[in-house]
Amino acid sequence: MKICSSVAAACMVAAGLGASAAFALDYPARKPGLWEMQTSDGPGSKGSPQAIQQCIDAATDKMLRDMGQGMGKDMCAKQDMRMEGGKLVIDSVCKIGQTTATSQAVMTGDLSTAYRLESKSTYSPPLMGRAGATTVVEARWVGPCKPDQKPGDMVMNGMKMNVNDMMGARGKK
C-alpha cells in the first residue's frame, strides 16, 4: 500500500515481512547488517524510486515485525499469509480511515541476501483520488553496518533517523 509517509513506508517494508508471528508460518528474520531498499510505484510508473538504507540487528528486525503485526491487528479484518511455490503471498483487507484497502503482496527471494516484494492494492472508495496502487520493494543485503551506524539507523532522502529511538520516544508519551 502506497499510503504512508516515507518513514512509515520504510517501516512497512520490514513490518509487512514480519507479521509472521500472527500466522502459522515460521518466517525467518532478515540477516543483521546494512540493507538497501529501492521502493517504487511499480511497472510503468512515472514516479522516481526511493532509496532507503537500514542498519538492523536481530532485536530491531523483531521490533519492526512486531510493529507490523500490531498494525495489522488494529487495521485489518483479514491477513492471510501462505507459501505458494517458494513465494510468500499475503492477502489483506484493511481500513484506512473510511477507505477499505484490499491488497495482495508477493515476496520472492530470501532474507539473507536479497528479496523482492510487490504489493497490489485497490481502494474503495478511492484513497487520495486513487482507486489502486502497486508498490515494489527490492532489497539487498549490503554487508555489515557502517562504523557510524547503530541498529535502527535509517537513511532516506539524505535524512538519517533511528526507528528504535522513534519507537522509544513514542512509548514514553
N, C-alpha and C. Protein backbone atom coordinates (compact mmCIF):
# COMPACT_ATOMS: atom_id res chain seq x y z
N MET A 1 0.84 -1.18 0.00
CA MET A 1 0.00 0.00 0.00
C MET A 1 0.87 1.23 0.00
N LYS A 2 0.71 2.08 -0.97
CA LYS A 2 1.50 3.30 -1.05
C LYS A 2 0.66 4.42 -0.46
N ILE A 3 0.52 4.43 0.86
CA ILE A 3 -0.34 5.39 1.52
C ILE A 3 0.36 6.10 2.63
N CYS A 4 1.63 5.73 2.86
CA CYS A 4 2.33 6.16 4.05
C CYS A 4 3.30 7.29 3.74
N SER A 5 3.77 7.92 4.80
CA SER A 5 4.88 8.84 4.65
C SER A 5 6.12 8.02 4.36
N SER A 6 7.22 8.67 4.02
CA SER A 6 8.45 7.94 3.70
C SER A 6 8.91 7.07 4.85
N VAL A 7 8.89 7.58 6.06
CA VAL A 7 9.32 6.80 7.21
C VAL A 7 8.42 5.59 7.41
N ALA A 8 7.13 5.81 7.35
CA ALA A 8 6.20 4.71 7.53
C ALA A 8 6.33 3.69 6.41
N ALA A 9 6.62 4.16 5.20
CA ALA A 9 6.79 3.23 4.08
C ALA A 9 7.97 2.32 4.32
N ALA A 10 9.05 2.87 4.82
CA ALA A 10 10.23 2.04 5.11
C ALA A 10 9.93 1.06 6.22
N CYS A 11 9.24 1.49 7.23
CA CYS A 11 8.86 0.59 8.32
C CYS A 11 7.91 -0.48 7.81
N MET A 12 7.01 -0.09 6.89
CA MET A 12 6.06 -1.04 6.35
C MET A 12 6.77 -2.18 5.64
N VAL A 13 7.88 -1.87 4.98
CA VAL A 13 8.63 -2.90 4.29
C VAL A 13 9.03 -3.98 5.28
N ALA A 14 9.64 -3.56 6.36
CA ALA A 14 10.08 -4.53 7.36
C ALA A 14 8.90 -5.12 8.10
N ALA A 15 7.93 -4.29 8.43
CA ALA A 15 6.79 -4.77 9.20
C ALA A 15 5.95 -5.74 8.39
N GLY A 16 5.76 -5.45 7.12
CA GLY A 16 4.97 -6.34 6.26
C GLY A 16 5.59 -7.71 6.16
N LEU A 17 6.91 -7.76 6.19
CA LEU A 17 7.59 -9.04 6.15
C LEU A 17 7.41 -9.80 7.44
N GLY A 18 7.25 -9.06 8.52
CA GLY A 18 7.35 -9.71 9.80
C GLY A 18 6.06 -10.01 10.51
N ALA A 19 4.96 -9.86 9.87
CA ALA A 19 3.70 -10.12 10.55
C ALA A 19 3.54 -11.60 10.85
N SER A 20 4.58 -12.37 10.62
CA SER A 20 4.51 -13.82 10.72
C SER A 20 4.15 -14.33 12.11
N ALA A 21 4.40 -13.57 13.14
CA ALA A 21 4.09 -14.07 14.47
C ALA A 21 2.61 -14.37 14.63
N ALA A 22 1.78 -13.72 13.82
CA ALA A 22 0.35 -13.95 13.91
C ALA A 22 -0.10 -15.12 13.04
N PHE A 23 0.83 -15.73 12.32
CA PHE A 23 0.48 -16.76 11.36
C PHE A 23 1.20 -18.06 11.69
N ALA A 24 0.78 -19.13 11.06
CA ALA A 24 1.36 -20.44 11.31
C ALA A 24 2.74 -20.59 10.67
N LEU A 25 3.07 -19.77 9.66
CA LEU A 25 4.36 -19.89 9.01
C LEU A 25 5.48 -19.45 9.96
N ASP A 26 6.58 -20.19 9.92
CA ASP A 26 7.75 -19.79 10.68
C ASP A 26 8.64 -19.01 9.73
N TYR A 27 8.41 -17.72 9.66
CA TYR A 27 9.08 -16.88 8.69
C TYR A 27 10.40 -16.38 9.25
N PRO A 28 11.50 -16.53 8.52
CA PRO A 28 12.82 -16.16 9.04
C PRO A 28 13.02 -14.65 9.14
N ALA A 29 13.91 -14.27 10.03
CA ALA A 29 14.27 -12.86 10.20
C ALA A 29 15.27 -12.46 9.12
N ARG A 30 15.38 -11.17 8.89
CA ARG A 30 16.39 -10.69 7.95
C ARG A 30 17.78 -10.82 8.57
N LYS A 31 18.76 -10.97 7.73
CA LYS A 31 20.14 -11.07 8.16
C LYS A 31 20.55 -9.73 8.77
N PRO A 32 21.16 -9.73 9.96
CA PRO A 32 21.63 -8.47 10.56
C PRO A 32 22.67 -7.79 9.66
N GLY A 33 22.66 -6.47 9.68
CA GLY A 33 23.61 -5.69 8.91
C GLY A 33 22.92 -4.57 8.17
N LEU A 34 23.54 -4.12 7.09
CA LEU A 34 23.03 -2.99 6.31
C LEU A 34 22.24 -3.49 5.11
N TRP A 35 20.98 -3.07 5.03
CA TRP A 35 20.10 -3.41 3.91
C TRP A 35 19.85 -2.15 3.10
N GLU A 36 19.83 -2.31 1.80
CA GLU A 36 19.50 -1.23 0.89
C GLU A 36 18.21 -1.61 0.18
N MET A 37 17.22 -0.71 0.24
CA MET A 37 15.92 -0.98 -0.35
C MET A 37 15.58 0.11 -1.36
N GLN A 38 15.04 -0.30 -2.49
CA GLN A 38 14.53 0.61 -3.50
C GLN A 38 13.03 0.40 -3.55
N THR A 39 12.27 1.47 -3.33
CA THR A 39 10.81 1.37 -3.43
C THR A 39 10.36 2.17 -4.65
N SER A 40 9.37 1.63 -5.34
CA SER A 40 8.82 2.34 -6.49
C SER A 40 7.33 2.04 -6.57
N ASP A 41 6.66 2.77 -7.44
CA ASP A 41 5.23 2.60 -7.63
C ASP A 41 4.91 1.50 -8.63
N GLY A 42 5.88 0.67 -8.97
CA GLY A 42 5.61 -0.48 -9.81
C GLY A 42 5.88 -0.22 -11.28
N PRO A 43 5.67 -1.27 -12.10
CA PRO A 43 5.97 -1.18 -13.54
C PRO A 43 5.21 -0.06 -14.21
N GLY A 44 5.90 0.67 -15.08
CA GLY A 44 5.26 1.74 -15.84
C GLY A 44 5.04 3.03 -15.07
N SER A 45 5.51 3.09 -13.83
CA SER A 45 5.31 4.27 -13.00
C SER A 45 6.18 5.42 -13.48
N LYS A 46 5.66 6.62 -13.36
CA LYS A 46 6.42 7.82 -13.70
C LYS A 46 7.15 8.37 -12.49
N GLY A 47 6.84 7.86 -11.30
CA GLY A 47 7.49 8.33 -10.08
C GLY A 47 8.92 7.82 -9.96
N SER A 48 9.72 8.55 -9.22
CA SER A 48 11.11 8.16 -9.00
C SER A 48 11.20 7.13 -7.89
N PRO A 49 12.06 6.12 -8.07
CA PRO A 49 12.26 5.17 -6.99
C PRO A 49 12.88 5.88 -5.78
N GLN A 50 12.60 5.36 -4.62
CA GLN A 50 13.14 5.93 -3.39
C GLN A 50 14.13 4.93 -2.81
N ALA A 51 15.32 5.40 -2.47
CA ALA A 51 16.35 4.54 -1.87
C ALA A 51 16.35 4.71 -0.36
N ILE A 52 16.42 3.59 0.33
CA ILE A 52 16.44 3.59 1.78
C ILE A 52 17.55 2.65 2.22
N GLN A 53 18.37 3.08 3.16
CA GLN A 53 19.34 2.20 3.78
C GLN A 53 18.93 2.01 5.23
N GLN A 54 19.02 0.77 5.71
CA GLN A 54 18.60 0.49 7.08
C GLN A 54 19.59 -0.48 7.72
N CYS A 55 20.11 -0.07 8.88
CA CYS A 55 21.01 -0.91 9.68
C CYS A 55 20.15 -1.64 10.71
N ILE A 56 20.21 -2.98 10.70
CA ILE A 56 19.39 -3.74 11.65
C ILE A 56 20.24 -4.75 12.40
N ASP A 57 19.76 -5.09 13.58
CA ASP A 57 20.23 -6.26 14.31
C ASP A 57 18.99 -7.11 14.57
N ALA A 58 19.16 -8.24 15.24
CA ALA A 58 18.03 -9.15 15.46
C ALA A 58 16.90 -8.46 16.24
N ALA A 59 17.26 -7.66 17.25
CA ALA A 59 16.24 -7.00 18.08
C ALA A 59 15.45 -5.96 17.28
N THR A 60 16.14 -5.20 16.44
CA THR A 60 15.46 -4.19 15.62
C THR A 60 14.54 -4.85 14.61
N ASP A 61 15.02 -5.92 13.97
CA ASP A 61 14.19 -6.62 13.00
C ASP A 61 12.93 -7.17 13.67
N LYS A 62 13.09 -7.74 14.86
CA LYS A 62 11.94 -8.27 15.61
C LYS A 62 10.97 -7.15 15.98
N MET A 63 11.50 -6.01 16.41
CA MET A 63 10.64 -4.88 16.78
C MET A 63 9.81 -4.43 15.58
N LEU A 64 10.44 -4.37 14.39
CA LEU A 64 9.71 -3.96 13.19
C LEU A 64 8.66 -5.00 12.81
N ARG A 65 8.99 -6.28 12.96
CA ARG A 65 8.00 -7.33 12.66
C ARG A 65 6.83 -7.25 13.65
N ASP A 66 7.14 -7.05 14.93
CA ASP A 66 6.09 -6.92 15.94
C ASP A 66 5.22 -5.70 15.67
N MET A 67 5.84 -4.60 15.22
CA MET A 67 5.08 -3.40 14.90
C MET A 67 4.12 -3.69 13.75
N GLY A 68 4.59 -4.41 12.74
CA GLY A 68 3.73 -4.77 11.62
C GLY A 68 2.57 -5.64 12.05
N GLN A 69 2.85 -6.57 12.95
CA GLN A 69 1.79 -7.44 13.47
C GLN A 69 0.75 -6.61 14.21
N GLY A 70 1.20 -5.66 15.02
CA GLY A 70 0.27 -4.81 15.78
C GLY A 70 -0.57 -3.94 14.87
N MET A 71 0.06 -3.36 13.83
CA MET A 71 -0.68 -2.52 12.89
C MET A 71 -1.74 -3.35 12.18
N GLY A 72 -1.38 -4.58 11.81
CA GLY A 72 -2.33 -5.45 11.13
C GLY A 72 -3.52 -5.80 11.99
N LYS A 73 -3.27 -6.07 13.27
CA LYS A 73 -4.37 -6.41 14.17
C LYS A 73 -5.32 -5.24 14.34
N ASP A 74 -4.77 -4.02 14.38
CA ASP A 74 -5.59 -2.83 14.59
C ASP A 74 -6.38 -2.40 13.35
N MET A 75 -5.80 -2.58 12.16
CA MET A 75 -6.39 -2.02 10.95
C MET A 75 -7.04 -3.05 10.02
N CYS A 76 -6.68 -4.31 10.15
CA CYS A 76 -7.05 -5.28 9.12
C CYS A 76 -8.05 -6.32 9.61
N ALA A 77 -9.11 -6.50 8.83
CA ALA A 77 -10.11 -7.53 9.11
C ALA A 77 -9.62 -8.88 8.61
N LYS A 78 -8.69 -8.85 7.65
CA LYS A 78 -8.17 -10.09 7.07
C LYS A 78 -6.68 -9.93 6.83
N GLN A 79 -5.91 -10.92 7.23
CA GLN A 79 -4.49 -11.01 6.90
C GLN A 79 -4.16 -12.48 6.79
N ASP A 80 -4.04 -12.96 5.57
CA ASP A 80 -3.71 -14.36 5.34
C ASP A 80 -2.33 -14.44 4.70
N MET A 81 -1.49 -15.31 5.25
CA MET A 81 -0.15 -15.49 4.72
C MET A 81 0.04 -16.97 4.40
N ARG A 82 0.62 -17.23 3.22
CA ARG A 82 0.84 -18.62 2.82
C ARG A 82 2.03 -18.69 1.87
N MET A 83 2.59 -19.88 1.77
CA MET A 83 3.65 -20.14 0.80
C MET A 83 3.01 -20.76 -0.44
N GLU A 84 3.40 -20.26 -1.61
CA GLU A 84 2.93 -20.80 -2.89
C GLU A 84 4.13 -20.94 -3.80
N GLY A 85 4.58 -22.17 -4.00
CA GLY A 85 5.69 -22.41 -4.92
C GLY A 85 6.94 -21.60 -4.61
N GLY A 86 7.32 -21.51 -3.36
CA GLY A 86 8.52 -20.78 -2.99
C GLY A 86 8.32 -19.27 -2.83
N LYS A 87 7.10 -18.79 -3.01
CA LYS A 87 6.79 -17.37 -2.84
C LYS A 87 5.92 -17.20 -1.61
N LEU A 88 6.15 -16.14 -0.87
CA LEU A 88 5.29 -15.79 0.25
C LEU A 88 4.20 -14.88 -0.28
N VAL A 89 2.93 -15.25 -0.05
CA VAL A 89 1.79 -14.47 -0.52
C VAL A 89 1.00 -14.00 0.70
N ILE A 90 0.73 -12.70 0.75
CA ILE A 90 -0.02 -12.12 1.86
C ILE A 90 -1.24 -11.41 1.27
N ASP A 91 -2.44 -11.85 1.66
CA ASP A 91 -3.69 -11.20 1.26
C ASP A 91 -4.24 -10.46 2.48
N SER A 92 -4.67 -9.22 2.28
CA SER A 92 -5.21 -8.47 3.41
C SER A 92 -6.35 -7.56 2.97
N VAL A 93 -7.21 -7.27 3.94
CA VAL A 93 -8.28 -6.29 3.78
C VAL A 93 -8.19 -5.40 5.01
N CYS A 94 -7.86 -4.12 4.79
CA CYS A 94 -7.60 -3.20 5.90
C CYS A 94 -8.38 -1.90 5.73
N LYS A 95 -8.69 -1.27 6.84
CA LYS A 95 -9.37 0.03 6.83
C LYS A 95 -8.32 1.12 7.01
N ILE A 96 -8.40 2.11 6.13
CA ILE A 96 -7.56 3.30 6.23
C ILE A 96 -8.53 4.47 6.25
N GLY A 97 -8.83 4.94 7.42
CA GLY A 97 -9.88 5.96 7.54
C GLY A 97 -11.20 5.35 7.09
N GLN A 98 -11.84 5.98 6.12
CA GLN A 98 -13.11 5.49 5.59
C GLN A 98 -12.93 4.54 4.41
N THR A 99 -11.69 4.32 3.99
CA THR A 99 -11.39 3.51 2.81
C THR A 99 -11.04 2.07 3.20
N THR A 100 -11.52 1.13 2.40
CA THR A 100 -11.13 -0.27 2.55
C THR A 100 -10.07 -0.57 1.50
N ALA A 101 -8.90 -1.01 1.96
CA ALA A 101 -7.80 -1.37 1.06
C ALA A 101 -7.73 -2.89 0.98
N THR A 102 -7.87 -3.43 -0.21
CA THR A 102 -7.75 -4.87 -0.45
C THR A 102 -6.43 -5.07 -1.19
N SER A 103 -5.51 -5.84 -0.57
CA SER A 103 -4.15 -5.94 -1.10
C SER A 103 -3.69 -7.38 -1.20
N GLN A 104 -2.77 -7.59 -2.15
CA GLN A 104 -2.04 -8.84 -2.22
C GLN A 104 -0.57 -8.49 -2.41
N ALA A 105 0.27 -9.02 -1.53
CA ALA A 105 1.71 -8.82 -1.62
C ALA A 105 2.35 -10.17 -1.90
N VAL A 106 3.32 -10.18 -2.80
CA VAL A 106 4.05 -11.40 -3.14
C VAL A 106 5.53 -11.13 -2.93
N MET A 107 6.17 -11.97 -2.13
CA MET A 107 7.58 -11.81 -1.85
C MET A 107 8.36 -12.99 -2.41
N THR A 108 9.46 -12.69 -3.09
CA THR A 108 10.36 -13.71 -3.60
C THR A 108 11.76 -13.40 -3.08
N GLY A 109 12.62 -14.39 -3.13
CA GLY A 109 13.98 -14.22 -2.65
C GLY A 109 14.12 -14.78 -1.25
N ASP A 110 15.14 -14.31 -0.56
CA ASP A 110 15.35 -14.75 0.82
C ASP A 110 15.72 -13.53 1.66
N LEU A 111 15.85 -13.75 2.94
CA LEU A 111 16.13 -12.62 3.82
C LEU A 111 17.58 -12.61 4.30
N SER A 112 18.45 -13.30 3.58
CA SER A 112 19.86 -13.25 3.93
C SER A 112 20.69 -12.54 2.86
N THR A 113 20.18 -12.46 1.63
CA THR A 113 20.92 -11.76 0.58
C THR A 113 20.08 -10.74 -0.17
N ALA A 114 18.87 -11.11 -0.58
CA ALA A 114 18.04 -10.19 -1.36
C ALA A 114 16.60 -10.71 -1.41
N TYR A 115 15.65 -9.77 -1.55
CA TYR A 115 14.26 -10.15 -1.74
C TYR A 115 13.54 -9.07 -2.54
N ARG A 116 12.40 -9.45 -3.08
CA ARG A 116 11.55 -8.52 -3.83
C ARG A 116 10.12 -8.68 -3.30
N LEU A 117 9.48 -7.58 -3.02
CA LEU A 117 8.11 -7.57 -2.54
C LEU A 117 7.29 -6.69 -3.48
N GLU A 118 6.22 -7.26 -4.05
CA GLU A 118 5.33 -6.48 -4.91
C GLU A 118 3.94 -6.54 -4.31
N SER A 119 3.37 -5.37 -4.04
CA SER A 119 2.06 -5.28 -3.43
C SER A 119 1.12 -4.53 -4.36
N LYS A 120 -0.05 -5.14 -4.62
CA LYS A 120 -1.08 -4.50 -5.44
C LYS A 120 -2.29 -4.29 -4.56
N SER A 121 -2.81 -3.07 -4.57
CA SER A 121 -3.94 -2.71 -3.72
C SER A 121 -5.03 -2.03 -4.52
N THR A 122 -6.28 -2.24 -4.09
CA THR A 122 -7.41 -1.48 -4.61
C THR A 122 -8.05 -0.78 -3.42
N TYR A 123 -8.58 0.42 -3.66
CA TYR A 123 -9.15 1.23 -2.59
C TYR A 123 -10.62 1.55 -2.90
N SER A 124 -11.48 1.30 -1.90
CA SER A 124 -12.90 1.59 -2.06
C SER A 124 -13.41 2.28 -0.79
N PRO A 125 -13.88 3.50 -0.89
CA PRO A 125 -13.78 4.42 -2.01
C PRO A 125 -12.31 4.79 -2.25
N PRO A 126 -12.02 5.45 -3.39
CA PRO A 126 -10.64 5.80 -3.70
C PRO A 126 -9.96 6.55 -2.55
N LEU A 127 -8.66 6.29 -2.40
CA LEU A 127 -7.86 6.90 -1.35
C LEU A 127 -7.02 8.01 -1.97
N MET A 128 -7.21 9.22 -1.50
CA MET A 128 -6.50 10.38 -2.04
C MET A 128 -6.60 10.42 -3.57
N GLY A 129 -7.81 10.11 -4.08
CA GLY A 129 -8.07 10.18 -5.51
C GLY A 129 -7.58 8.98 -6.31
N ARG A 130 -7.05 7.96 -5.64
CA ARG A 130 -6.53 6.79 -6.35
C ARG A 130 -7.38 5.57 -6.03
N ALA A 131 -7.77 4.85 -7.08
CA ALA A 131 -8.57 3.63 -6.92
C ALA A 131 -7.68 2.42 -6.65
N GLY A 132 -6.39 2.56 -6.92
CA GLY A 132 -5.49 1.44 -6.70
C GLY A 132 -4.04 1.88 -6.76
N ALA A 133 -3.16 0.99 -6.34
CA ALA A 133 -1.73 1.29 -6.35
C ALA A 133 -0.93 0.00 -6.38
N THR A 134 0.25 0.09 -6.93
CA THR A 134 1.21 -1.00 -6.90
C THR A 134 2.50 -0.46 -6.29
N THR A 135 3.07 -1.18 -5.36
CA THR A 135 4.33 -0.80 -4.75
C THR A 135 5.30 -1.96 -4.90
N VAL A 136 6.51 -1.67 -5.31
CA VAL A 136 7.55 -2.67 -5.45
C VAL A 136 8.72 -2.29 -4.56
N VAL A 137 9.20 -3.24 -3.77
CA VAL A 137 10.37 -3.05 -2.93
C VAL A 137 11.39 -4.10 -3.34
N GLU A 138 12.57 -3.63 -3.70
CA GLU A 138 13.68 -4.53 -3.99
C GLU A 138 14.75 -4.25 -2.97
N ALA A 139 15.13 -5.27 -2.21
CA ALA A 139 16.08 -5.09 -1.11
C ALA A 139 17.25 -6.04 -1.27
N ARG A 140 18.41 -5.56 -0.84
CA ARG A 140 19.59 -6.41 -0.86
C ARG A 140 20.43 -6.12 0.37
N TRP A 141 21.07 -7.17 0.86
CA TRP A 141 21.98 -7.05 1.99
C TRP A 141 23.29 -6.52 1.46
N VAL A 142 23.77 -5.41 2.02
CA VAL A 142 24.97 -4.76 1.54
C VAL A 142 26.21 -5.28 2.27
N GLY A 143 26.07 -5.57 3.56
CA GLY A 143 27.18 -6.02 4.39
C GLY A 143 26.97 -5.56 5.81
N PRO A 144 28.02 -5.55 6.61
CA PRO A 144 27.88 -5.05 7.97
C PRO A 144 27.48 -3.57 7.96
N CYS A 145 26.87 -3.12 9.04
CA CYS A 145 26.53 -1.70 9.16
C CYS A 145 27.82 -0.89 9.14
N LYS A 146 27.71 0.35 8.69
CA LYS A 146 28.87 1.24 8.64
C LYS A 146 29.30 1.59 10.06
N PRO A 147 30.58 1.94 10.24
CA PRO A 147 31.08 2.24 11.59
C PRO A 147 30.29 3.34 12.32
N ASP A 148 29.73 4.29 11.58
CA ASP A 148 28.99 5.39 12.23
C ASP A 148 27.50 5.07 12.39
N GLN A 149 27.10 3.82 12.13
CA GLN A 149 25.69 3.44 12.22
C GLN A 149 25.46 2.54 13.43
N LYS A 150 24.24 2.64 13.96
CA LYS A 150 23.82 1.72 15.02
C LYS A 150 22.51 1.08 14.58
N PRO A 151 22.16 -0.08 15.15
CA PRO A 151 20.91 -0.74 14.75
C PRO A 151 19.71 0.22 14.87
N GLY A 152 18.90 0.21 13.84
CA GLY A 152 17.72 1.09 13.77
C GLY A 152 17.96 2.31 12.92
N ASP A 153 19.22 2.63 12.61
CA ASP A 153 19.50 3.78 11.77
C ASP A 153 18.94 3.55 10.37
N MET A 154 18.28 4.57 9.85
CA MET A 154 17.71 4.52 8.53
C MET A 154 18.09 5.82 7.81
N VAL A 155 18.57 5.71 6.59
CA VAL A 155 18.91 6.87 5.79
C VAL A 155 17.97 6.89 4.59
N MET A 156 17.25 8.02 4.45
CA MET A 156 16.25 8.15 3.41
C MET A 156 16.18 9.61 3.00
N ASN A 157 16.24 9.86 1.70
CA ASN A 157 16.21 11.24 1.20
C ASN A 157 17.28 12.10 1.87
N GLY A 158 18.43 11.51 2.15
CA GLY A 158 19.53 12.24 2.78
C GLY A 158 19.35 12.49 4.26
N MET A 159 18.24 12.04 4.83
CA MET A 159 17.97 12.24 6.25
C MET A 159 18.25 10.94 7.01
N LYS A 160 18.90 11.07 8.15
CA LYS A 160 19.19 9.90 8.99
C LYS A 160 18.29 9.97 10.23
N MET A 161 17.65 8.84 10.52
CA MET A 161 16.81 8.74 11.72
C MET A 161 17.00 7.35 12.29
N ASN A 162 16.57 7.15 13.51
CA ASN A 162 16.69 5.84 14.13
C ASN A 162 15.31 5.36 14.58
N VAL A 163 14.84 4.25 13.98
CA VAL A 163 13.49 3.78 14.29
C VAL A 163 13.39 3.29 15.73
N ASN A 164 14.47 2.78 16.29
CA ASN A 164 14.44 2.36 17.70
C ASN A 164 14.19 3.56 18.60
N ASP A 165 14.91 4.66 18.34
CA ASP A 165 14.72 5.89 19.13
C ASP A 165 13.31 6.45 18.95
N MET A 166 12.81 6.42 17.71
CA MET A 166 11.47 6.94 17.44
C MET A 166 10.41 6.12 18.17
N MET A 167 10.55 4.80 18.17
CA MET A 167 9.57 3.96 18.85
C MET A 167 9.67 4.12 20.35
N GLY A 168 10.88 4.29 20.88
CA GLY A 168 11.06 4.52 22.31
C GLY A 168 10.46 5.83 22.75
N ALA A 169 10.65 6.87 21.92
CA ALA A 169 10.09 8.19 22.25
C ALA A 169 8.57 8.14 22.22
N ARG A 170 7.99 7.35 21.29
CA ARG A 170 6.53 7.25 21.19
C ARG A 170 5.97 6.57 22.44
N GLY A 171 6.68 5.53 22.91
CA GLY A 171 6.19 4.78 24.06
C GLY A 171 6.22 5.57 25.36
N LYS A 172 7.04 6.63 25.45
CA LYS A 172 7.18 7.40 26.68
C LYS A 172 6.15 8.48 26.80
N LYS A 173 5.46 8.80 25.71
CA LYS A 173 4.47 9.90 25.75
C LYS A 173 3.20 9.44 26.39
